PDB file of N, CA and C in Angstrom:
ATOM      1  N   MET A   1     172.844  77.774 132.547  1.00  0.00           N
ATOM      2  CA  MET A   1     171.744  77.789 132.336  1.00  0.00           C
ATOM      3  C   MET A   1     170.924  79.070 132.472  1.00  0.00           C
ATOM      4  N   ARG A   2     170.787  79.898 131.016  1.00  0.00           N
ATOM      5  CA  ARG A   2     170.994  80.925 130.047  1.00  0.00           C
ATOM      6  C   ARG A   2     169.102  80.792 130.397  1.00  0.00           C
ATOM      7  N   ILE A   3     168.750  82.409 131.362  1.00  0.00           N
ATOM      8  CA  ILE A   3     167.728  82.661 131.620  1.00  0.00           C
ATOM      9  C   ILE A   3     167.043  83.562 129.996  1.00  0.00           C
ATOM     10  N   SER A   4     165.757  83.687 129.595  1.00  0.00           N
ATOM     11  CA  SER A   4     165.532  84.268 128.475  1.00  0.00           C
ATOM     12  C   SER A   4     164.662  85.686 128.971  1.00  0.00           C
ATOM     13  N   ILE A   5     165.283  86.688 128.277  1.00  0.00           N
ATOM     14  CA  ILE A   5     165.070  88.298 129.182  1.00  0.00           C
ATOM     15  C   ILE A   5     163.044  88.529 129.101  1.00  0.00           C
ATOM     16  N   MET A   6     162.639  87.898 128.174  1.00  0.00           N
ATOM     17  CA  MET A   6     161.313  87.680 128.740  1.00  0.00           C
ATOM     18  C   MET A   6     161.266  87.713 130.232  1.00  0.00           C
ATOM     19  N   THR A   7     161.371  85.959 130.392  1.00  0.00           N
ATOM     20  CA  THR A   7     161.377  84.925 131.275  1.00  0.00           C
ATOM     21  C   THR A   7     161.514  86.151 133.082  1.00  0.00           C
ATOM     22  N   THR A   8     162.744  86.858 132.438  1.00  0.00           N
ATOM     23  CA  THR A   8     163.200  87.758 133.606  1.00  0.00           C
ATOM     24  C   THR A   8     162.328  88.889 134.115  1.00  0.00           C
ATOM     25  N   VAL A   9     161.259  89.482 132.688  1.00  0.00           N
ATOM     26  CA  VAL A   9     160.990  90.114 132.848  1.00  0.00           C
ATOM     27  C   VAL A   9     158.983  89.993 133.347  1.00  0.00           C
ATOM     28  N   MET A  10     158.981  88.818 132.803  1.00  0.00           N
ATOM     29  CA  MET A  10     156.706  88.655 133.648  1.00  0.00           C
ATOM     30  C   MET A  10     157.429  88.002 134.954  1.00  0.00           C
ATOM     31  N   ALA A  11     159.117  87.615 135.682  1.00  0.00           N
ATOM     32  CA  ALA A  11     159.006  87.185 136.996  1.00  0.00           C
ATOM     33  C   ALA A  11     158.830  88.808 137.747  1.00  0.00           C
ATOM     34  N   LEU A  12     159.645  90.043 137.012  1.00  0.00           N
ATOM     35  CA  LEU A  12     159.179  91.093 137.520  1.00  0.00           C
ATOM     36  C   LEU A  12     157.697  91.684 137.676  1.00  0.00           C
ATOM     37  N   VAL A  13     157.084  91.800 137.045  1.00  0.00           N
ATOM     38  CA  VAL A  13     155.672  92.141 136.653  1.00  0.00           C
ATOM     39  C   VAL A  13     155.004  91.258 137.789  1.00  0.00           C
ATOM     40  N   LEU A  14     155.111  90.229 137.565  1.00  0.00           N
ATOM     41  CA  LEU A  14     154.297  88.678 138.320  1.00  0.00           C
ATOM     42  C   LEU A  14     154.694  88.967 140.046  1.00  0.00           C
ATOM     43  N   ASN A  15     156.120  89.693 140.272  1.00  0.00           N
ATOM     44  CA  ASN A  15     156.446  89.971 141.459  1.00  0.00           C
ATOM     45  C   ASN A  15     155.927  91.709 142.072  1.00  0.00           C
ATOM     46  N   GLY A  16     155.066  91.829 140.996  1.00  0.00           N
ATOM     47  CA  GLY A  16     155.240  93.253 141.418  1.00  0.00           C
ATOM     48  C   GLY A  16     156.046  95.215 141.066  1.00  0.00           C
ATOM     49  N   ILE A  17     157.278  94.581 140.541  1.00  0.00           N
ATOM     50  CA  ILE A  17     157.646  94.790 140.376  1.00  0.00           C
ATOM     51  C   ILE A  17     157.612  95.631 138.101  1.00  0.00           C
ATOM     52  N   GLY A  18     157.516  96.791 138.438  1.00  0.00           N
ATOM     53  CA  GLY A  18     157.220  96.857 137.009  1.00  0.00           C
ATOM     54  C   GLY A  18     155.926  97.803 136.732  1.00  0.00           C
ATOM     55  N   PRO A  19     156.307  98.543 135.725  1.00  0.00           N
ATOM     56  CA  PRO A  19     154.685  99.736 135.273  1.00  0.00           C
ATOM     57  C   PRO A  19     153.433  98.993 135.679  1.00  0.00           C
ATOM     58  N   GLU A  20     153.545  97.855 135.877  1.00  0.00           N
ATOM     59  CA  GLU A  20     151.607  97.257 135.644  1.00  0.00           C
ATOM     60  C   GLU A  20     151.747  97.395 136.929  1.00  0.00           C
ATOM     61  N   ARG A  21     151.842  97.404 137.576  1.00  0.00           N
ATOM     62  CA  ARG A  21     151.677  97.560 139.409  1.00  0.00           C
ATOM     63  C   ARG A  21     152.092  98.863 140.003  1.00  0.00           C
ATOM     64  N   SER A  22     152.560  99.822 139.280  1.00  0.00           N
ATOM     65  CA  SER A  22     152.847 101.016 139.860  1.00  0.00           C
ATOM     66  C   SER A  22     151.884 102.361 140.733  1.00  0.00           C
ATOM     67  N   ALA A  23     152.431 102.479 142.015  1.00  0.00           N
ATOM     68  CA  ALA A  23     151.092 103.312 142.201  1.00  0.00           C
ATOM     69  C   ALA A  23     151.447 104.973 141.559  1.00  0.00           C
ATOM     70  N   ALA A  24     150.412 105.177 141.012  1.00  0.00           N
ATOM     71  CA  ALA A  24     149.210 106.452 140.804  1.00  0.00           C
ATOM     72  C   ALA A  24     149.771 107.691 141.736  1.00  0.00           C
ATOM     73  N   GLU A  25     150.544 108.724 141.079  1.00  0.00           N
ATOM     74  CA  GLU A  25     150.504 110.003 141.784  1.00  0.00           C
ATOM     75  C   GLU A  25     148.926 110.570 142.624  1.00  0.00           C
ATOM     76  N   ILE A  26     149.172 111.069 143.113  1.00  0.00           N
ATOM     77  CA  ILE A  26     147.809 111.736 143.979  1.00  0.00           C
ATOM     78  C   ILE A  26     147.993 113.192 143.662  1.00  0.00           C
ATOM     79  N   VAL A  27     147.076 114.211 143.456  1.00  0.00           N
ATOM     80  CA  VAL A  27     148.096 115.656 142.827  1.00  0.00           C
ATOM     81  C   VAL A  27     146.496 115.443 143.558  1.00  0.00           C
ATOM     82  N   LYS A  28     146.596 117.402 144.180  1.00  0.00           N
ATOM     83  CA  LYS A  28     145.541 118.796 144.393  1.00  0.00           C
ATOM     84  C   LYS A  28     144.987 118.711 142.958  1.00  0.00           C
ATOM     85  N   ALA A  29     144.086 119.096 143.615  1.00  0.00           N
ATOM     86  CA  ALA A  29     142.548 119.706 142.000  1.00  0.00           C
ATOM     87  C   ALA A  29     142.234 120.486 143.214  1.00  0.00           C
ATOM     88  N   TYR A  30     141.022 120.580 142.088  1.00  0.00           N
ATOM     89  CA  TYR A  30     140.246 121.924 142.481  1.00  0.00           C
ATOM     90  C   TYR A  30     138.491 121.499 141.844  1.00  0.00           C
ATOM     91  N   CYS A  31     137.872 121.196 142.536  1.00  0.00           N
ATOM     92  CA  CYS A  31     136.377 120.217 142.145  1.00  0.00           C
ATOM     93  C   CYS A  31     134.786 120.709 142.358  1.00  0.00           C
ATOM     94  N   THR A  32     134.101 120.595 141.170  1.00  0.00           N
ATOM     95  CA  THR A  32     132.939 121.415 140.728  1.00  0.00           C
ATOM     96  C   THR A  32     132.183 120.298 140.959  1.00  0.00           C
ATOM     97  N   LEU A  33     131.272 119.972 141.999  1.00  0.00           N
ATOM     98  CA  LEU A  33     129.877 119.168 141.195  1.00  0.00           C
ATOM     99  C   LEU A  33     128.470 119.384 141.767  1.00  0.00           C
ATOM    100  N   THR A  34     127.980 118.889 140.709  1.00  0.00           N
ATOM    101  CA  THR A  34     127.308 119.734 140.242  1.00  0.00           C
ATOM    102  C   THR A  34     126.064 118.329 140.283  1.00  0.00           C
ATOM    103  N   TRP A  35     124.160 117.937 140.705  1.00  0.00           N
ATOM    104  CA  TRP A  35     123.779 116.827 140.827  1.00  0.00           C
ATOM    105  C   TRP A  35     122.730 117.491 139.712  1.00  0.00           C
ATOM    106  N   GLU A  36     122.049 116.523 139.605  1.00  0.00           N
ATOM    107  CA  GLU A  36     121.476 116.464 138.719  1.00  0.00           C
ATOM    108  C   GLU A  36     119.838 117.040 139.247  1.00  0.00           C
ATOM    109  N   GLU A  37     119.581 116.017 140.469  1.00  0.00           N
ATOM    110  CA  GLU A  37     118.284 116.814 141.299  1.00  0.00           C
ATOM    111  C   GLU A  37     118.653 117.801 141.274  1.00  0.00           C
ATOM    112  N   HIS A  38     117.603 118.429 142.747  1.00  0.00           N
ATOM    113  CA  HIS A  38     117.735 119.896 143.259  1.00  0.00           C
ATOM    114  C   HIS A  38     118.158 119.859 144.571  1.00  0.00           C
ATOM    115  N   LYS A  39     119.762 119.314 144.405  1.00  0.00           N
ATOM    116  CA  LYS A  39     120.164 119.651 145.537  1.00  0.00           C
ATOM    117  C   LYS A  39     121.195 120.757 145.506  1.00  0.00           C
ATOM    118  N   PRO A  40     121.506 120.955 146.215  1.00  0.00           N
ATOM    119  CA  PRO A  40     122.838 122.809 146.812  1.00  0.00           C
ATOM    120  C   PRO A  40     124.683 122.163 145.986  1.00  0.00           C
ATOM    121  N   GLY A  41     124.911 122.489 145.000  1.00  0.00           N
ATOM    122  CA  GLY A  41     125.839 121.982 144.489  1.00  0.00           C
ATOM    123  C   GLY A  41     127.272 122.110 144.867  1.00  0.00           C
ATOM    124  N   GLU A  42     128.740 121.370 145.401  1.00  0.00           N
ATOM    125  CA  GLU A  42     129.475 121.663 145.875  1.00  0.00           C
ATOM    126  C   GLU A  42     130.773 122.339 145.199  1.00  0.00           C
ATOM    127  N   LYS A  43     131.776 122.861 145.609  1.00  0.00           N
ATOM    128  CA  LYS A  43     133.257 123.495 145.123  1.00  0.00           C
ATOM    129  C   LYS A  43     134.108 123.474 146.421  1.00  0.00           C
ATOM    130  N   GLY A  44     135.379 122.968 146.020  1.00  0.00           N
ATOM    131  CA  GLY A  44     136.249 123.406 146.743  1.00  0.00           C
ATOM    132  C   GLY A  44     137.434 121.930 146.152  1.00  0.00           C
ATOM    133  N   ASP A  45     138.192 121.847 147.083  1.00  0.00           N
ATOM    134  CA  ASP A  45     140.126 120.773 146.991  1.00  0.00           C
ATOM    135  C   ASP A  45     139.239 119.694 146.872  1.00  0.00           C
ATOM    136  N   CYS A  46     139.971 118.469 146.185  1.00  0.00           N
ATOM    137  CA  CYS A  46     139.927 117.549 146.048  1.00  0.00           C
ATOM    138  C   CYS A  46     141.361 117.017 146.288  1.00  0.00           C
ATOM    139  N   ASP A  47     141.542 115.821 146.047  1.00  0.00           N
ATOM    140  CA  ASP A  47     142.746 115.385 145.325  1.00  0.00           C
ATOM    141  C   ASP A  47     142.026 113.831 143.934  1.00  0.00           C
ATOM    142  N   PHE A  48     142.750 113.751 143.051  1.00  0.00           N
ATOM    143  CA  PHE A  48     143.095 113.477 141.985  1.00  0.00           C
ATOM    144  C   PHE A  48     144.149 112.022 141.612  1.00  0.00           C
ATOM    145  N   ARG A  49     143.916 111.336 141.585  1.00  0.00           N
ATOM    146  CA  ARG A  49     144.691 110.084 141.060  1.00  0.00           C
ATOM    147  C   ARG A  49     144.308 109.570 139.415  1.00  0.00           C
ATOM    148  N   GLN A  50     145.056 109.323 138.763  1.00  0.00           N
ATOM    149  CA  GLN A  50     144.607 108.480 137.324  1.00  0.00           C
ATOM    150  C   GLN A  50     145.757 107.359 137.319  1.00  0.00           C
ATOM    151  N   ALA A  51     145.697 106.110 136.906  1.00  0.00           N
ATOM    152  CA  ALA A  51     146.463 105.378 136.667  1.00  0.00           C
ATOM    153  C   ALA A  51     145.391 104.454 135.134  1.00  0.00           C
ATOM    154  N   PHE A  52     146.395 104.065 134.178  1.00  0.00           N
ATOM    155  CA  PHE A  52     145.699 103.121 132.959  1.00  0.00           C
ATOM    156  C   PHE A  52     144.449 103.678 133.026  1.00  0.00           C
ATOM    157  N   GLY A  53     143.793 104.896 133.027  1.00  0.00           N
ATOM    158  CA  GLY A  53     142.677 105.354 132.256  1.00  0.00           C
ATOM    159  C   GLY A  53     141.913 105.228 133.838  1.00  0.00           C
ATOM    160  N   ASN A  54     141.777 104.603 135.031  1.00  0.00           N
ATOM    161  CA  ASN A  54     141.316 104.477 136.082  1.00  0.00           C
ATOM    162  C   ASN A  54     141.662 105.800 136.623  1.00  0.00           C
ATOM    163  N   VAL A  55     140.266 106.589 137.238  1.00  0.00           N
ATOM    164  CA  VAL A  55     140.300 107.405 137.883  1.00  0.00           C
ATOM    165  C   VAL A  55     140.081 107.646 139.228  1.00  0.00           C
ATOM    166  N   GLN A  56     140.222 107.887 140.495  1.00  0.00           N
ATOM    167  CA  GLN A  56     139.629 108.727 141.581  1.00  0.00           C
ATOM    168  C   GLN A  56     139.594 109.757 141.735  1.00  0.00           C
ATOM    169  N   VAL A  57     138.983 110.703 142.787  1.00  0.00           N
ATOM    170  CA  VAL A  57     138.430 111.214 143.582  1.00  0.00           C
ATOM    171  C   VAL A  57     137.966 111.528 144.828  1.00  0.00           C
ATOM    172  N   TRP A  58     138.994 112.036 145.407  1.00  0.00           N
ATOM    173  CA  TRP A  58     138.406 112.703 146.719  1.00  0.00           C
ATOM    174  C   TRP A  58     138.129 113.895 147.060  1.00  0.00           C
ATOM    175  N   MET A  59     136.954 114.324 147.801  1.00  0.00           N
ATOM    176  CA  MET A  59     136.958 115.728 147.638  1.00  0.00           C
ATOM    177  C   MET A  59     136.251 115.562 149.208  1.00  0.00           C
ATOM    178  N   GLY A  60     137.191 116.079 150.177  1.00  0.00           N
ATOM    179  CA  GLY A  60     137.341 115.817 151.378  1.00  0.00           C
ATOM    180  C   GLY A  60     137.240 114.377 152.226  1.00  0.00           C
ATOM    181  N   GLN A  61     136.168 114.465 153.140  1.00  0.00           N
ATOM    182  CA  GLN A  61     135.434 113.431 153.999  1.00  0.00           C
ATOM    183  C   GLN A  61     134.556 112.626 153.857  1.00  0.00           C
ATOM    184  N   ARG A  62     133.697 113.920 152.762  1.00  0.00           N
ATOM    185  CA  ARG A  62     133.041 113.584 152.578  1.00  0.00           C
ATOM    186  C   ARG A  62     131.699 112.941 151.129  1.00  0.00           C
ATOM    187  N   TRP A  63     133.353 112.856 150.014  1.00  0.00           N
ATOM    188  CA  TRP A  63     132.771 111.821 148.474  1.00  0.00           C
ATOM    189  C   TRP A  63     134.447 111.042 148.505  1.00  0.00           C
ATOM    190  N   LEU A  64     134.004 110.402 147.631  1.00  0.00           N
ATOM    191  CA  LEU A  64     134.875 109.305 146.825  1.00  0.00           C
ATOM    192  C   LEU A  64     134.359 108.896 145.349  1.00  0.00           C
ATOM    193  N   PHE A  65     134.972 109.475 144.441  1.00  0.00           N
ATOM    194  CA  PHE A  65     134.259 108.773 143.107  1.00  0.00           C
ATOM    195  C   PHE A  65     134.862 108.197 143.057  1.00  0.00           C
ATOM    196  N   ASP A  66     134.735 107.029 141.544  1.00  0.00           N
ATOM    197  CA  ASP A  66     135.506 106.456 140.967  1.00  0.00           C
ATOM    198  C   ASP A  66     135.268 105.763 139.950  1.00  0.00           C
ATOM    199  N   PHE A  67     135.997 105.994 139.065  1.00  0.00           N
ATOM    200  CA  PHE A  67     135.617 106.058 137.615  1.00  0.00           C
ATOM    201  C   PHE A  67     137.171 104.917 136.882  1.00  0.00           C
ATOM    202  N   PRO A  68     136.547 103.239 136.794  1.00  0.00           N
ATOM    203  CA  PRO A  68     136.889 103.092 135.888  1.00  0.00           C
ATOM    204  C   PRO A  68     137.236 102.822 134.718  1.00  0.00           C
ATOM    205  N   ASP A  69     137.686 102.756 133.841  1.00  0.00           N
ATOM    206  CA  ASP A  69     137.994 102.724 132.536  1.00  0.00           C
ATOM    207  C   ASP A  69     137.611 102.128 132.029  1.00  0.00           C
ATOM    208  N   SER A  70     137.417 100.801 132.029  1.00  0.00           N
ATOM    209  CA  SER A  70     136.304  99.691 131.600  1.00  0.00           C
ATOM    210  C   SER A  70     135.245 100.098 131.484  1.00  0.00           C
ATOM    211  N   GLU A  71     134.107 100.476 132.688  1.00  0.00           N
ATOM    212  CA  GLU A  71     132.936 101.321 132.417  1.00  0.00           C
ATOM    213  C   GLU A  71     132.942 102.353 131.605  1.00  0.00           C
ATOM    214  N   ARG A  72     133.700 103.368 131.758  1.00  0.00           N
ATOM    215  CA  ARG A  72     133.790 104.890 130.398  1.00  0.00           C
ATOM    216  C   ARG A  72     132.940 104.526 129.233  1.00  0.00           C
ATOM    217  N   GLY A  73     132.035 105.496 129.018  1.00  0.00           N
ATOM    218  CA  GLY A  73     130.937 104.853 128.045  1.00  0.00           C
ATOM    219  C   GLY A  73     129.454 103.998 128.346  1.00  0.00           C
ATOM    220  N   ARG A  74     129.328 103.775 130.110  1.00  0.00           N
ATOM    221  CA  ARG A  74     128.179 102.990 129.834  1.00  0.00           C
ATOM    222  C   ARG A  74     127.662 103.318 131.384  1.00  0.00           C
ATOM    223  N   SER A  75     128.386 103.246 132.623  1.00  0.00           N
ATOM    224  CA  SER A  75     128.011 104.113 133.448  1.00  0.00           C
ATOM    225  C   SER A  75     128.532 105.332 133.634  1.00  0.00           C
ATOM    226  N   TYR A  76     129.332 105.991 132.942  1.00  0.00           N
ATOM    227  CA  TYR A  76     129.678 107.492 132.729  1.00  0.00           C
ATOM    228  C   TYR A  76     130.495 108.104 131.625  1.00  0.00           C
ATOM    229  N   LEU A  77     129.860 109.463 131.375  1.00  0.00           N
ATOM    230  CA  LEU A  77     130.952 109.826 130.356  1.00  0.00           C
ATOM    231  C   LEU A  77     132.368 110.201 130.720  1.00  0.00           C
ATOM    232  N   ARG A  78     132.925 110.723 130.324  1.00  0.00           N
ATOM    233  CA  ARG A  78     134.300 111.561 129.974  1.00  0.00           C
ATOM    234  C   ARG A  78     134.819 112.448 129.315  1.00  0.00           C
ATOM    235  N   GLU A  79     134.974 113.446 129.733  1.00  0.00           N
ATOM    236  CA  GLU A  79     135.257 114.475 128.887  1.00  0.00           C
ATOM    237  C   GLU A  79     136.953 115.269 128.897  1.00  0.00           C
ATOM    238  N   ASN A  80     137.784 115.190 128.327  1.00  0.00           N
ATOM    239  CA  ASN A  80     138.937 115.902 128.731  1.00  0.00           C
ATOM    240  C   ASN A  80     139.061 117.282 128.076  1.00  0.00           C
ATOM    241  N   THR A  81     139.338 118.253 129.162  1.00  0.00           N
ATOM    242  CA  THR A  81     139.194 119.449 128.734  1.00  0.00           C
ATOM    243  C   THR A  81     140.673 120.413 128.892  1.00  0.00           C
ATOM    244  N   LYS A  82     140.964 121.565 128.607  1.00  0.00           N
ATOM    245  CA  LYS A  82     142.535 122.359 128.396  1.00  0.00           C
ATOM    246  C   LYS A  82     142.936 121.989 129.883  1.00  0.00           C
ATOM    247  N   THR A  83     141.036 122.009 131.220  1.00  0.00           N
ATOM    248  CA  THR A  83     141.932 122.251 132.279  1.00  0.00           C
ATOM    249  C   THR A  83     141.623 121.569 132.979  1.00  0.00           C
ATOM    250  N   GLY A  84     140.950 120.220 132.507  1.00  0.00           N
ATOM    251  CA  GLY A  84     140.862 119.213 133.246  1.00  0.00           C
ATOM    252  C   GLY A  84     139.573 118.412 132.376  1.00  0.00           C
ATOM    253  N   ILE A  85     139.324 117.582 133.644  1.00  0.00           N
ATOM    254  CA  ILE A  85     138.005 116.324 132.935  1.00  0.00           C
ATOM    255  C   ILE A  85     136.488 116.312 133.817  1.00  0.00           C
ATOM    256  N   ILE A  86     135.617 116.179 133.036  1.00  0.00           N
ATOM    257  CA  ILE A  86     134.528 116.548 133.317  1.00  0.00           C
ATOM    258  C   ILE A  86     134.174 114.674 132.995  1.00  0.00           C
ATOM    259  N   PHE A  87     133.172 114.608 134.563  1.00  0.00           N
ATOM    260  CA  PHE A  87     132.738 112.895 134.127  1.00  0.00           C
ATOM    261  C   PHE A  87     131.263 113.219 134.796  1.00  0.00           C
ATOM    262  N   THR A  88     130.724 112.926 134.047  1.00  0.00           N
ATOM    263  CA  THR A  88     128.670 112.333 134.187  1.00  0.00           C
ATOM    264  C   THR A  88     128.590 111.336 134.142  1.00  0.00           C
ATOM    265  N   ARG A  89     127.715 111.353 135.320  1.00  0.00           N
ATOM    266  CA  ARG A  89     126.616 109.939 135.265  1.00  0.00           C
ATOM    267  C   ARG A  89     125.427 110.683 135.599  1.00  0.00           C
ATOM    268  N   LYS A  90     124.649 110.454 133.832  1.00  0.00           N
ATOM    269  CA  LYS A  90     123.658 110.875 133.429  1.00  0.00           C
ATOM    270  C   LYS A  90     122.614 110.483 135.034  1.00  0.00           C
ATOM    271  N   GLY A  91     121.646 111.459 135.075  1.00  0.00           N
ATOM    272  CA  GLY A  91     120.435 111.356 136.089  1.00  0.00           C
ATOM    273  C   GLY A  91     121.260 111.323 137.460  1.00  0.00           C
ATOM    274  N   GLN A  92     122.496 111.577 137.640  1.00  0.00           N
ATOM    275  CA  GLN A  92     122.793 112.015 139.262  1.00  0.00           C
ATOM    276  C   GLN A  92     123.883 113.055 139.327  1.00  0.00           C
ATOM    277  N   TYR A  93     124.934 112.905 138.389  1.00  0.00           N
ATOM    278  CA  TYR A  93     125.514 114.556 138.564  1.00  0.00           C
ATOM    279  C   TYR A  93     126.749 114.726 137.741  1.00  0.00           C
ATOM    280  N   THR A  94     127.294 115.326 137.786  1.00  0.00           N
ATOM    281  CA  THR A  94     128.724 115.875 137.044  1.00  0.00           C
ATOM    282  C   THR A  94     129.828 116.962 138.057  1.00  0.00           C
ATOM    283  N   LEU A  95     130.554 115.822 137.878  1.00  0.00           N
ATOM    284  CA  LEU A  95     131.854 116.440 138.705  1.00  0.00           C
ATOM    285  C   LEU A  95     133.016 116.711 137.165  1.00  0.00           C
ATOM    286  N   LYS A  96     133.312 118.180 137.844  1.00  0.00           N
ATOM    287  CA  LYS A  96     134.441 119.205 137.479  1.00  0.00           C
ATOM    288  C   LYS A  96     135.674 118.827 138.076  1.00  0.00           C
ATOM    289  N   VAL A  97     137.156 118.223 137.308  1.00  0.00           N
ATOM    290  CA  VAL A  97     138.167 118.457 138.523  1.00  0.00           C
ATOM    291  C   VAL A  97     139.111 119.112 137.484  1.00  0.00           C
ATOM    292  N   ASN A  98     139.603 119.982 138.175  1.00  0.00           N
ATOM    293  CA  ASN A  98     140.291 121.380 137.447  1.00  0.00           C
ATOM    294  C   ASN A  98     141.682 120.666 138.426  1.00  0.00           C
ATOM    295  N   GLN A  99     142.259 120.240 137.359  1.00  0.00           N
ATOM    296  CA  GLN A  99     144.083 120.142 137.775  1.00  0.00           C
ATOM    297  C   GLN A  99     144.789 120.865 138.048  1.00  0.00           C
ATOM    298  N   SER A 100     144.589 122.520 137.463  1.00  0.00           N
ATOM    299  CA  SER A 100     145.413 123.464 137.555  1.00  0.00           C
ATOM    300  C   SER A 100     145.446 123.684 138.818  1.00  0.00           C
ATOM    301  N   GLY A 101     144.021 123.962 139.674  1.00  0.00           N
ATOM    302  CA  GLY A 101     143.344 124.165 141.111  1.00  0.00           C
ATOM    303  C   GLY A 101     142.137 125.340 140.400  1.00  0.00           C
ATOM    304  N   ARG A 102     142.166 125.930 141.491  1.00  0.00           N
ATOM    305  CA  ARG A 102     141.223 126.823 141.103  1.00  0.00           C
ATOM    306  C   ARG A 102     140.794 127.960 140.223  1.00  0.00           C
ATOM    307  N   PRO A 103     140.366 127.572 139.236  1.00  0.00           N
ATOM    308  CA  PRO A 103     140.142 128.568 138.363  1.00  0.00           C
ATOM    309  C   PRO A 103     139.749 129.568 138.622  1.00  0.00           C
ATOM    310  N   THR A 104     140.214 130.965 137.827  1.00  0.00           N
ATOM    311  CA  THR A 104     139.846 132.249 137.888  1.00  0.00           C
ATOM    312  C   THR A 104     139.301 132.555 138.081  1.00  0.00           C
ATOM    313  N   ASN A 105     138.148 131.984 136.919  1.00  0.00           N
ATOM    314  CA  ASN A 105     136.841 133.158 136.708  1.00  0.00           C
ATOM    315  C   ASN A 105     135.917 132.576 137.037  1.00  0.00           C
TER     316      ASN A 105
END
């Protein structure tokens, strides 16, 4: 009996093998968090993960930010820049993720 290539590929995907299920690499970054309210902002090292447009950012033990691609343009705005990504939740906060580390200026 001959099994088609497509059947083999689908079996691999459904069993968690292949790019659809691959884990994204967590990278070190530098984050700047500013609040829309009159709260003090925060700056510091953070961890950043991106897969298929979905982004998670951890700032120490205090903050976890989740930006699902399906919510882009609805619950948050995303701006890609030369040095990183800026996420804005209107009325709440702006998070700048500098993927190349702490800015020099």
